[in-house]
């Protein structure tokens, strides 16, 4: 589905991506993990064409991305960020149907698709008439997911979509998202700092450090066969809950 070939990206003197080679398989959920500044979000922005390599190429379905065809490319991708990235002056339904209205879908078709996706994403129907400030964090995230799914794209990209949520809501949405990904069978690429979340949602994990891919594989492969001590340290760094006696 996606391939990065020796992709290099600088922001001024800072190196964001340093010769990244990466293949992201179609129909699977891939989680990008790593410390802050590792290049996770930069990879995601390369996939949707929000950033362009200084050197190297990004391929989608076997062909290199072209600036002249980026709009067509982006319509095949649903993109979700923290809090859903909603416009505050639009209702939840207005946000969800924005792209469809741009493409001049009939109002009845838009309403029917929003109702379908609200049920799929477990968003209460009465929430569709509210503005983002009137929604909970979990509801805003669901609206962002509905908007990303509106055109039924084959690809979903999610950049730390659950990072700002409280633990109970986050756990609930993780469960719903894993079921959703399994049912939709889309290509999903997820950025997260949370190793447990990556292991729960991702079929393939890609660990980045200093703008390079350090290791790629299943959670079990990274735990059982780390290629260097940092891989094991990162995969096991989260502290387990401890209670003083």
Protein backbone atom coordinates (compact mmCIF):
# COMPACT_ATOMS: atom_id res chain seq x y z
CA UNK A 1 0.00 0.00 0.00
CA UNK A 2 2.66 2.54 1.12
CA UNK A 3 6.41 2.46 0.57
CA UNK A 4 9.03 4.96 1.70
CA UNK A 5 12.34 4.77 -0.12
CA UNK A 6 15.32 6.49 1.56
CA UNK A 7 13.12 9.38 2.70
CA UNK A 8 14.98 12.32 4.22
CA UNK A 9 13.29 15.35 5.80
CA UNK A 10 14.86 18.37 7.53
CA UNK A 11 13.20 21.18 9.46
CA UNK A 12 15.92 23.79 9.38
CA UNK A 13 18.98 22.18 10.95
CA UNK A 14 16.92 19.44 12.62
CA UNK A 15 16.75 16.03 10.94
CA UNK A 16 13.20 14.63 11.19
CA UNK A 17 13.66 11.62 8.90
CA UNK A 18 17.07 10.21 8.05
CA UNK A 19 16.91 7.77 5.14
CA UNK A 20 13.69 5.96 6.11
CA UNK A 21 12.87 2.75 4.26
CA UNK A 22 9.44 1.42 5.19
CA UNK A 23 6.73 -0.79 3.69
CA UNK A 24 3.19 -0.56 5.09
CA UNK A 25 1.03 -3.50 4.06
CA UNK A 26 -2.52 -3.08 2.78
CA UNK A 27 -5.45 -4.16 4.93
CA UNK A 28 -3.49 -4.19 8.20
CA UNK A 29 -3.13 -1.90 11.19
CA UNK A 30 0.40 -0.55 11.59
CA UNK A 31 1.39 1.36 14.73
CA UNK A 32 4.30 3.85 14.62
CA UNK A 33 5.96 4.09 18.02
CA UNK A 34 9.08 5.67 19.44
CA UNK A 35 10.25 8.49 21.70
CA UNK A 36 9.33 12.13 21.11
CA UNK A 37 11.10 13.49 18.04
CA UNK A 38 11.64 10.03 16.57
CA UNK A 39 9.85 10.94 13.31
CA UNK A 40 6.49 9.21 13.79
CA UNK A 41 4.24 12.13 12.86
CA UNK A 42 6.61 13.15 10.07
CA UNK A 43 6.12 9.72 8.49
CA UNK A 44 2.35 10.08 8.79
CA UNK A 45 2.39 13.51 7.15
CA UNK A 46 4.50 12.09 4.31
CA UNK A 47 1.87 9.43 3.68
CA UNK A 48 -0.92 11.99 3.24
CA UNK A 49 1.25 14.47 1.34
CA UNK A 50 1.22 17.20 4.00
CA UNK A 51 5.03 17.07 3.96
CA UNK A 52 7.33 16.35 1.05
CA UNK A 53 10.70 14.57 1.23
CA UNK A 54 13.88 16.57 0.80
CA UNK A 55 15.21 13.36 -0.74
CA UNK A 56 13.71 9.98 -1.47
CA UNK A 57 10.22 8.95 -2.58
CA UNK A 58 6.86 8.00 -1.09
CA UNK A 59 4.85 5.45 -3.07
CA UNK A 60 1.15 4.65 -2.80
CA UNK A 61 -0.28 1.60 -4.56
CA UNK A 62 2.99 1.14 -6.43
CA UNK A 63 3.27 4.68 -7.84
CA UNK A 64 5.17 7.70 -6.45
CA UNK A 65 3.12 10.51 -4.97
CA UNK A 66 2.80 13.48 -7.32
CA UNK A 67 2.13 17.03 -6.21
CA UNK A 68 -0.26 17.51 -9.13
CA UNK A 69 -2.46 14.64 -7.91
CA UNK A 70 -2.37 15.25 -4.15
CA UNK A 71 -6.04 16.24 -3.89
CA UNK A 72 -7.08 12.98 -5.54
CA UNK A 73 -4.68 11.10 -3.24
CA UNK A 74 -6.02 12.73 -0.06
CA UNK A 75 -9.60 11.80 -0.94
CA UNK A 76 -8.53 8.19 -0.59
CA UNK A 77 -7.30 8.79 2.95
CA UNK A 78 -9.12 9.50 6.21
CA UNK A 79 -6.95 11.56 8.57
CA UNK A 80 -7.65 11.82 12.30
CA UNK A 81 -5.78 13.95 14.85
CA UNK A 82 -6.19 14.64 18.58
CA UNK A 83 -9.66 15.88 19.55
CA UNK A 84 -10.74 15.21 15.96
CA UNK A 85 -9.46 18.58 14.65
CA UNK A 86 -13.03 19.88 14.47
CA UNK A 87 -14.13 23.33 13.30
CA UNK A 88 -15.70 25.06 16.34
CA UNK A 89 -18.32 26.98 14.30
CA UNK A 90 -19.81 23.79 12.78
CA UNK A 91 -21.98 21.23 14.50
CA UNK A 92 -20.82 17.65 14.77
CA UNK A 93 -22.91 16.79 11.68
CA UNK A 94 -21.53 19.85 9.89
CA UNK A 95 -17.98 18.74 10.61
CA UNK A 96 -18.66 15.14 9.64
CA UNK A 97 -20.22 16.05 6.30
CA UNK A 98 -17.76 18.77 5.28
CA UNK A 99 -15.87 16.80 2.62
CA UNK A 100 -19.05 15.28 1.21
CA UNK A 101 -20.59 18.75 0.84
CA UNK A 102 -17.43 19.92 -0.94
CA UNK A 103 -17.95 17.08 -3.42
CA UNK A 104 -21.60 18.12 -3.80
CA UNK A 105 -23.17 15.00 -2.38
CA UNK A 106 -26.97 15.36 -2.05
CA UNK A 107 -28.07 16.35 1.46
CA UNK A 108 -30.08 13.15 1.85
CA UNK A 109 -27.07 11.00 1.02
CA UNK A 110 -24.90 12.93 3.49
CA UNK A 111 -27.46 12.58 6.28
CA UNK A 112 -27.85 8.85 5.65
CA UNK A 113 -24.07 8.30 5.66
CA UNK A 114 -23.63 10.29 8.87
CA UNK A 115 -26.37 8.28 10.58
CA UNK A 116 -24.73 5.04 9.45
CA UNK A 117 -21.30 6.08 10.71
CA UNK A 118 -22.64 7.50 13.99
CA UNK A 119 -24.11 4.09 14.75
CA UNK A 120 -20.87 2.37 13.71
CA UNK A 121 -18.75 4.69 15.90
CA UNK A 122 -21.27 4.59 18.77
CA UNK A 123 -21.92 8.33 18.79
CA UNK A 124 -25.34 9.24 20.22
CA UNK A 125 -27.55 10.67 17.49
CA UNK A 126 -28.44 13.76 19.53
CA UNK A 127 -24.72 14.66 19.68
CA UNK A 128 -24.75 15.37 15.94
CA UNK A 129 -26.60 18.65 16.50
CA UNK A 130 -24.10 19.91 19.08
CA UNK A 131 -21.04 22.08 18.54
CA UNK A 132 -17.56 20.75 19.46
CA UNK A 133 -17.44 22.77 22.69
CA UNK A 134 -20.62 21.00 23.78
CA UNK A 135 -19.17 17.52 23.24
CA UNK A 136 -16.95 15.41 25.48
CA UNK A 137 -13.42 14.55 24.37
CA UNK A 138 -14.51 11.05 23.43
CA UNK A 139 -17.43 12.38 21.41
CA UNK A 140 -15.19 14.85 19.56
CA UNK A 141 -12.84 11.99 18.70
CA UNK A 142 -15.74 9.93 17.38
CA UNK A 143 -16.86 12.85 15.20
CA UNK A 144 -13.32 13.12 13.81
CA UNK A 145 -13.40 9.42 13.01
CA UNK A 146 -16.81 9.75 11.32
CA UNK A 147 -15.48 12.60 9.18
CA UNK A 148 -12.45 10.51 8.22
CA UNK A 149 -14.69 7.60 7.20
CA UNK A 150 -17.28 9.72 5.37
CA UNK A 151 -16.00 9.05 1.85
CA UNK A 152 -15.25 5.38 2.67
CA UNK A 153 -11.51 5.74 1.99
CA UNK A 154 -9.31 2.63 1.81
CA UNK A 155 -6.79 4.19 4.23
CA UNK A 156 -7.06 5.67 7.74
CA UNK A 157 -4.20 7.67 9.28
CA UNK A 158 -4.46 8.51 13.00
CA UNK A 159 -2.01 10.82 14.78
CA UNK A 160 -2.18 10.31 18.57
CA UNK A 161 -6.00 10.17 18.35
CA UNK A 162 -6.56 9.11 21.96
CA UNK A 163 -3.75 10.95 23.74
CA UNK A 164 -5.88 13.69 25.32
CA UNK A 165 -8.58 11.40 26.72
CA UNK A 166 -9.02 10.22 30.30
CA UNK A 167 -8.13 6.54 30.98
CA UNK A 168 -11.71 5.21 31.07
CA UNK A 169 -12.77 6.88 27.81
CA UNK A 170 -9.47 5.96 26.20
CA UNK A 171 -9.92 2.29 27.12
CA UNK A 172 -13.48 2.32 25.76
CA UNK A 173 -12.42 3.91 22.47
CA UNK A 174 -9.48 1.53 22.09
CA UNK A 175 -11.89 -1.40 22.28
CA UNK A 176 -14.29 0.20 19.80
CA UNK A 177 -11.52 1.15 17.40
CA UNK A 178 -10.03 -2.34 17.32
CA UNK A 179 -13.46 -3.79 16.52
CA UNK A 180 -14.00 -1.08 13.91
CA UNK A 181 -10.64 -1.72 12.22
CA UNK A 182 -11.31 -5.46 12.14
CA UNK A 183 -14.76 -4.99 10.61
CA UNK A 184 -13.77 -2.35 8.03
CA UNK A 185 -10.56 -4.12 6.93
CA UNK A 186 -8.94 -0.86 5.86
CA UNK A 187 -5.26 0.00 5.86
CA UNK A 188 -4.71 1.81 9.16
CA UNK A 189 -1.57 3.65 10.26
CA UNK A 190 -1.58 4.83 13.87
CA UNK A 191 0.91 7.07 15.71
CA UNK A 192 1.02 6.61 19.47
CA UNK A 193 3.42 7.05 22.40
CA UNK A 194 1.57 4.30 24.28
CA UNK A 195 3.21 0.90 23.74
CA UNK A 196 0.26 -0.97 25.26
CA UNK A 197 -2.11 0.87 22.90
CA UNK A 198 0.12 0.08 19.93
CA UNK A 199 0.23 -3.60 20.89
CA UNK A 200 -3.55 -3.71 21.36
CA UNK A 201 -4.46 -1.97 18.10
CA UNK A 202 -1.53 -2.74 15.81
CA UNK A 203 -0.83 -5.93 13.93
CA UNK A 204 2.57 -4.53 12.97
CA UNK A 205 4.70 -2.20 15.11
CA UNK A 206 7.33 0.14 13.65
CA UNK A 207 9.76 1.50 16.23
CA UNK A 208 11.51 4.70 15.19
CA UNK A 209 14.41 6.53 16.83
CA UNK A 210 16.28 9.64 15.65
CA UNK A 211 14.43 9.67 12.32
CA UNK A 212 15.21 6.07 11.43
CA UNK A 213 13.29 2.80 11.54
CA UNK A 214 14.96 0.77 14.26
CA UNK A 215 12.84 -2.38 14.10
CA UNK A 216 9.56 -3.52 12.53
CA UNK A 217 7.47 -6.56 13.36
CA UNK A 218 4.75 -7.92 15.62
CA UNK A 219 4.66 -7.04 19.31
CA UNK A 220 5.91 -10.53 20.12
CA UNK A 221 8.83 -10.19 17.68
CA UNK A 222 9.95 -6.89 19.19
CA UNK A 223 9.68 -8.31 22.72
CA UNK A 224 11.32 -11.68 22.02
CA UNK A 225 13.90 -10.67 19.40
CA UNK A 226 14.96 -7.05 19.95
CA UNK A 227 17.79 -6.08 17.63
CA UNK A 228 19.42 -3.92 20.32
CA UNK A 229 18.90 -3.12 24.03
CA UNK A 230 16.95 0.09 23.29
CA UNK A 231 14.13 -1.92 21.68
CA UNK A 232 13.64 -4.00 24.82
CA UNK A 233 13.96 -0.91 27.04
CA UNK A 234 11.33 0.99 25.08
CA UNK A 235 8.90 -1.92 24.83
CA UNK A 236 9.04 -2.61 28.58
CA UNK A 237 9.40 0.96 29.90
CA UNK A 238 5.81 1.55 31.02
CA UNK A 239 5.50 1.25 34.78
CA UNK A 240 3.03 -1.29 36.10
CA UNK A 241 0.52 -0.12 38.71
CA UNK A 242 1.97 -0.48 42.20
CA UNK A 243 0.15 -0.01 45.49
CA UNK A 244 1.99 0.55 48.77
CA UNK A 245 1.00 -1.86 51.52
